[in-house]
Amino acid sequence: MHGYSTDSGERRIVPLLLASVAITLAWLSSKILAVMHLSLPWWLDAPSTLGFYGAFYALFDRNLWRNRLVRKLGLVRVPNLTGRWRGYLISSFDGHVKRHDLMLNLFQSWTQIAVFLTTDTSMSRSCAAVIQVDDPDGLTLTYQYQNQPLANAMRTMHMHYGTAMLRMSDDDTLTGDYYAGRDRRTFGRISCRKEHSTAASPAEFVLSLSANSR
C-alpha cells in the first residue's frame, strides 16, 4: 500500500485530537501511579505520551476511521472504498466496441491505499492516488497505475503507465475514464459496482493472483 492525498481537512484536525487524548491519558496514568505509590523506570515513564499517541494513531488509521460515530461527528469525510468491485471497461484499442470484464480490488486505511485492476489479459496496480471530497461533481478517486500484461496477453502488449479518474455515485458505483501514456496512447471508460468488503490483505491478494496465473 502507498499513501494518498485528500482535500479534506481531517488530517490536520484528527492528529491534534489524538494528541490531546494521549496527553490526558498520560497525565491520568501518572496520577494513578502516584496514588498507588508506584514508580517506573525513567525510560518507561518518559515516552508515555508518545506511546499513547502512537497506539491511538495506529488504531485510528486501521479501524476507527471507519466507525459510524466518527463519521457522524464529521471527523472523517474520506470514503471507505475497501472492497471488491466488478464491472467492465471499453477501450480505444478496439474502437470502444467491446466490453472487457474487470475486477477492482481496493485496499484502504485512513492514510494508505492500494488499487488493483485485473482483466483477462493484464493487471494494474496504483502507485499514487488522490481522493477528493469537495469536488462539485462528487467524490473522486484519481490514481496513477502501472499495468503489467499477464502470460496469456498478446505479444504486442507490454508494461506501461496510465491514469484513471473515477467518480463515486450513491449506489456504490465507480465510473470514470482512464488513459495510458507514451506509446500505448489508449483511453477508455471504466464502470464497476461494489460487491462486498475485502478481508484479505494486498500481499495475500497478489499471492493468490500469482498462483492463479500459473
Protein backbone atom coordinates (compact mmCIF):
# COMPACT_ATOMS: atom_id res chain seq x y z
CA MET A 1 0.00 0.00 0.00
CA HIS A 2 1.06 3.60 -0.55
CA GLY A 3 -0.02 6.96 0.79
CA TYR A 4 -2.73 9.06 -0.78
CA SER A 5 -3.64 12.72 -0.51
CA THR A 6 -7.05 14.31 0.05
CA ASP A 7 -8.59 17.77 0.07
CA SER A 8 -10.37 17.02 3.35
CA GLY A 9 -9.05 18.95 6.35
CA GLU A 10 -9.40 15.97 8.67
CA ARG A 11 -5.70 15.14 8.59
CA ARG A 12 -4.96 18.43 10.32
CA ILE A 13 -7.69 18.08 12.95
CA VAL A 14 -7.58 14.38 13.90
CA PRO A 15 -3.87 14.28 14.89
CA LEU A 16 -4.46 17.23 17.24
CA LEU A 17 -7.40 15.43 18.85
CA LEU A 18 -5.39 12.23 19.22
CA ALA A 19 -2.51 14.17 20.75
CA SER A 20 -4.89 15.78 23.25
CA VAL A 21 -6.27 12.38 24.26
CA ALA A 22 -2.74 10.97 24.57
CA ILE A 23 -1.59 13.84 26.81
CA THR A 24 -4.69 13.49 29.00
CA LEU A 25 -4.22 9.74 29.43
CA ALA A 26 -0.51 10.16 30.14
CA TRP A 27 -1.35 12.70 32.86
CA LEU A 28 -4.02 10.42 34.35
CA SER A 29 -1.67 7.43 34.36
CA SER A 30 0.99 9.45 36.20
CA LYS A 31 -1.57 10.48 38.82
CA ILE A 32 -2.74 6.90 39.27
CA LEU A 33 0.83 5.69 39.71
CA ALA A 34 1.45 8.44 42.29
CA VAL A 35 -1.65 7.45 44.28
CA MET A 36 -0.53 3.81 44.19
CA HIS A 37 2.99 4.85 45.24
CA LEU A 38 4.48 3.15 42.22
CA SER A 39 7.45 4.41 40.25
CA LEU A 40 8.51 3.31 36.79
CA PRO A 41 11.97 3.47 35.24
CA TRP A 42 12.70 6.79 33.50
CA TRP A 43 12.91 5.08 30.11
CA LEU A 44 9.36 3.73 30.51
CA ASP A 45 7.75 6.82 32.02
CA ALA A 46 9.24 9.42 29.67
CA PRO A 47 7.75 8.22 26.35
CA SER A 48 4.27 7.54 27.77
CA THR A 49 2.64 10.41 25.86
CA LEU A 50 4.27 9.38 22.61
CA GLY A 51 3.36 5.77 23.31
CA PHE A 52 -0.31 6.62 23.78
CA TYR A 53 -0.31 8.80 20.68
CA GLY A 54 1.34 6.13 18.54
CA ALA A 55 -1.12 3.48 19.69
CA PHE A 56 -4.18 5.70 19.11
CA TYR A 57 -2.92 6.85 15.71
CA ALA A 58 -2.33 3.28 14.56
CA LEU A 59 -5.77 2.22 15.84
CA PHE A 60 -7.46 5.17 14.14
CA ASP A 61 -5.60 4.61 10.87
CA ARG A 62 -6.56 0.94 10.68
CA ASN A 63 -10.02 0.77 12.21
CA LEU A 64 -11.56 3.78 13.95
CA TRP A 65 -11.76 5.95 10.84
CA ARG A 66 -14.43 3.57 9.51
CA ASN A 67 -16.57 3.92 12.66
CA ARG A 68 -20.06 5.34 12.04
CA LEU A 69 -19.95 7.61 15.10
CA VAL A 70 -16.62 9.08 13.98
CA ARG A 71 -18.19 9.85 10.60
CA LYS A 72 -21.38 11.28 12.10
CA LEU A 73 -19.26 13.66 14.17
CA GLY A 74 -17.66 14.84 10.92
CA LEU A 75 -14.14 13.85 11.92
CA VAL A 76 -13.70 11.75 8.77
CA ARG A 77 -15.06 12.56 5.32
CA VAL A 78 -12.82 10.34 3.22
CA PRO A 79 -14.96 7.48 1.83
CA ASN A 80 -14.19 3.88 2.70
CA LEU A 81 -13.65 2.27 -0.71
CA THR A 82 -12.23 -1.00 0.59
CA GLY A 83 -13.74 -3.97 -1.18
CA ARG A 84 -14.09 -5.94 -4.38
CA TRP A 85 -15.70 -4.20 -7.33
CA ARG A 86 -16.80 -5.81 -10.60
CA GLY A 87 -17.59 -4.15 -13.89
CA TYR A 88 -16.24 -3.53 -17.33
CA LEU A 89 -14.08 -1.21 -19.41
CA ILE A 90 -14.26 -0.11 -23.02
CA SER A 91 -11.08 0.90 -24.82
CA SER A 92 -9.99 2.84 -27.85
CA PHE A 93 -7.69 -0.12 -28.59
CA ASP A 94 -10.61 -1.95 -30.26
CA GLY A 95 -12.68 1.10 -31.14
CA HIS A 96 -14.86 1.01 -27.99
CA VAL A 97 -16.90 -1.82 -29.49
CA LYS A 98 -16.39 -4.46 -26.79
CA ARG A 99 -16.89 -4.57 -23.05
CA HIS A 100 -13.98 -6.16 -21.22
CA ASP A 101 -14.82 -7.63 -17.80
CA LEU A 102 -12.73 -6.31 -14.94
CA MET A 103 -12.32 -6.78 -11.20
CA LEU A 104 -11.17 -3.94 -8.98
CA ASN A 105 -9.72 -4.86 -5.58
CA LEU A 106 -9.27 -1.85 -3.36
CA PHE A 107 -7.47 -1.84 0.00
CA GLN A 108 -7.54 1.26 2.16
CA SER A 109 -6.69 2.67 5.55
CA TRP A 110 -7.09 6.28 6.67
CA THR A 111 -3.70 7.23 5.18
CA GLN A 112 -2.84 4.47 2.69
CA ILE A 113 -4.44 2.82 -0.31
CA ALA A 114 -3.80 0.19 -2.99
CA VAL A 115 -5.85 -0.26 -6.16
CA PHE A 116 -5.57 -3.46 -8.21
CA LEU A 117 -7.47 -3.71 -11.50
CA THR A 118 -7.42 -7.05 -13.29
CA THR A 119 -8.79 -8.15 -16.65
CA ASP A 120 -8.35 -11.38 -18.61
CA THR A 121 -5.06 -10.15 -20.06
CA SER A 122 -3.45 -7.73 -17.59
CA MET A 123 -3.20 -6.42 -14.06
CA SER A 124 -2.58 -2.85 -12.99
CA ARG A 125 -1.66 -1.55 -9.56
CA SER A 126 -1.74 2.00 -8.28
CA CYS A 127 1.42 3.91 -7.40
CA ALA A 128 -0.09 7.30 -6.41
CA ALA A 129 -3.62 8.41 -5.58
CA VAL A 130 -5.82 11.37 -4.62
CA ILE A 131 -9.30 11.29 -3.07
CA GLN A 132 -11.29 14.49 -3.47
CA VAL A 133 -14.36 15.00 -1.28
CA ASP A 134 -15.12 18.64 -2.11
CA ASP A 135 -15.38 18.23 -5.87
CA PRO A 136 -18.70 19.77 -7.04
CA ASP A 137 -19.32 16.69 -9.20
CA GLY A 138 -18.97 14.30 -6.26
CA LEU A 139 -16.38 12.08 -4.60
CA THR A 140 -13.47 11.37 -6.92
CA LEU A 141 -10.66 8.82 -6.86
CA THR A 142 -7.78 9.66 -9.17
CA TYR A 143 -4.77 7.37 -9.35
CA GLN A 144 -1.73 6.61 -11.44
CA TYR A 145 -1.07 2.98 -12.20
CA GLN A 146 1.44 0.54 -13.63
CA ASN A 147 -0.05 -2.06 -15.95
CA GLN A 148 1.55 -5.48 -16.40
CA PRO A 149 0.33 -7.94 -19.08
CA LEU A 150 -0.44 -11.49 -17.94
CA ALA A 151 1.06 -14.59 -19.52
CA ASN A 152 -1.87 -15.03 -21.91
CA ALA A 153 -1.73 -11.47 -23.27
CA MET A 154 -0.88 -10.64 -26.88
CA ARG A 155 2.79 -10.11 -27.68
CA THR A 156 2.08 -6.50 -28.60
CA MET A 157 1.07 -5.76 -25.01
CA HIS A 158 3.77 -4.58 -22.63
CA MET A 159 4.20 -2.85 -19.30
CA HIS A 160 3.04 0.78 -19.28
CA TYR A 161 1.83 3.57 -17.01
CA GLY A 162 -1.51 5.36 -17.03
CA THR A 163 -4.02 7.42 -15.07
CA ALA A 164 -7.63 6.75 -14.06
CA MET A 165 -10.21 9.15 -12.62
CA LEU A 166 -13.29 7.53 -11.11
CA ARG A 167 -16.33 9.20 -9.55
CA MET A 168 -18.40 7.51 -6.87
CA SER A 169 -22.19 7.62 -7.01
CA ASP A 170 -24.72 6.95 -4.25
CA ASP A 171 -25.36 3.38 -5.43
CA ASP A 172 -21.78 2.22 -4.72
CA THR A 173 -20.70 2.62 -8.33
CA LEU A 174 -17.33 3.88 -9.57
CA THR A 175 -17.41 5.30 -13.08
CA GLY A 176 -14.83 7.30 -14.99
CA ASP A 177 -12.13 7.50 -17.61
CA TYR A 178 -8.61 6.21 -17.99
CA TYR A 179 -5.78 6.78 -20.39
CA ALA A 180 -2.44 5.07 -20.94
CA GLY A 181 0.60 7.16 -21.69
CA ARG A 182 3.51 7.10 -24.08
CA ASP A 183 3.42 4.53 -26.89
CA ARG A 184 0.20 2.82 -25.74
CA ARG A 185 -1.85 6.00 -26.14
CA THR A 186 -5.13 4.25 -25.43
CA PHE A 187 -8.05 5.62 -23.48
CA GLY A 188 -11.43 4.39 -22.40
CA ARG A 189 -14.22 4.17 -19.87
CA ILE A 190 -14.41 2.20 -16.60
CA SER A 191 -17.58 1.29 -14.72
CA CYS A 192 -17.82 -1.04 -11.74
CA ARG A 193 -20.07 -1.75 -8.77
CA LYS A 194 -19.05 -2.83 -5.28
CA GLU A 195 -19.71 -6.49 -4.46
CA HIS A 196 -18.53 -6.76 -0.86
CA SER A 197 -15.78 -5.73 1.53
CA THR A 198 -12.45 -7.47 1.15
CA ALA A 199 -10.84 -9.02 4.22
CA ALA A 200 -7.62 -10.15 2.53
CA SER A 201 -4.50 -8.01 2.62
CA PRO A 202 -2.80 -6.64 -0.51
CA ALA A 203 0.02 -9.16 -0.08
CA GLU A 204 -2.43 -12.06 0.13
CA PHE A 205 -4.26 -10.81 -2.95
CA VAL A 206 -1.05 -10.58 -5.01
CA LEU A 207 -0.02 -14.08 -3.92
CA SER A 208 -3.41 -15.53 -4.88
CA LEU A 209 -3.29 -13.78 -8.24
CA SER A 210 0.20 -15.12 -8.91
CA ALA A 211 -0.92 -18.64 -8.02
CA ASN A 212 -3.96 -18.45 -10.29
CA SER A 213 -1.93 -17.17 -13.24
CA ARG A 214 0.40 -20.16 -13.26
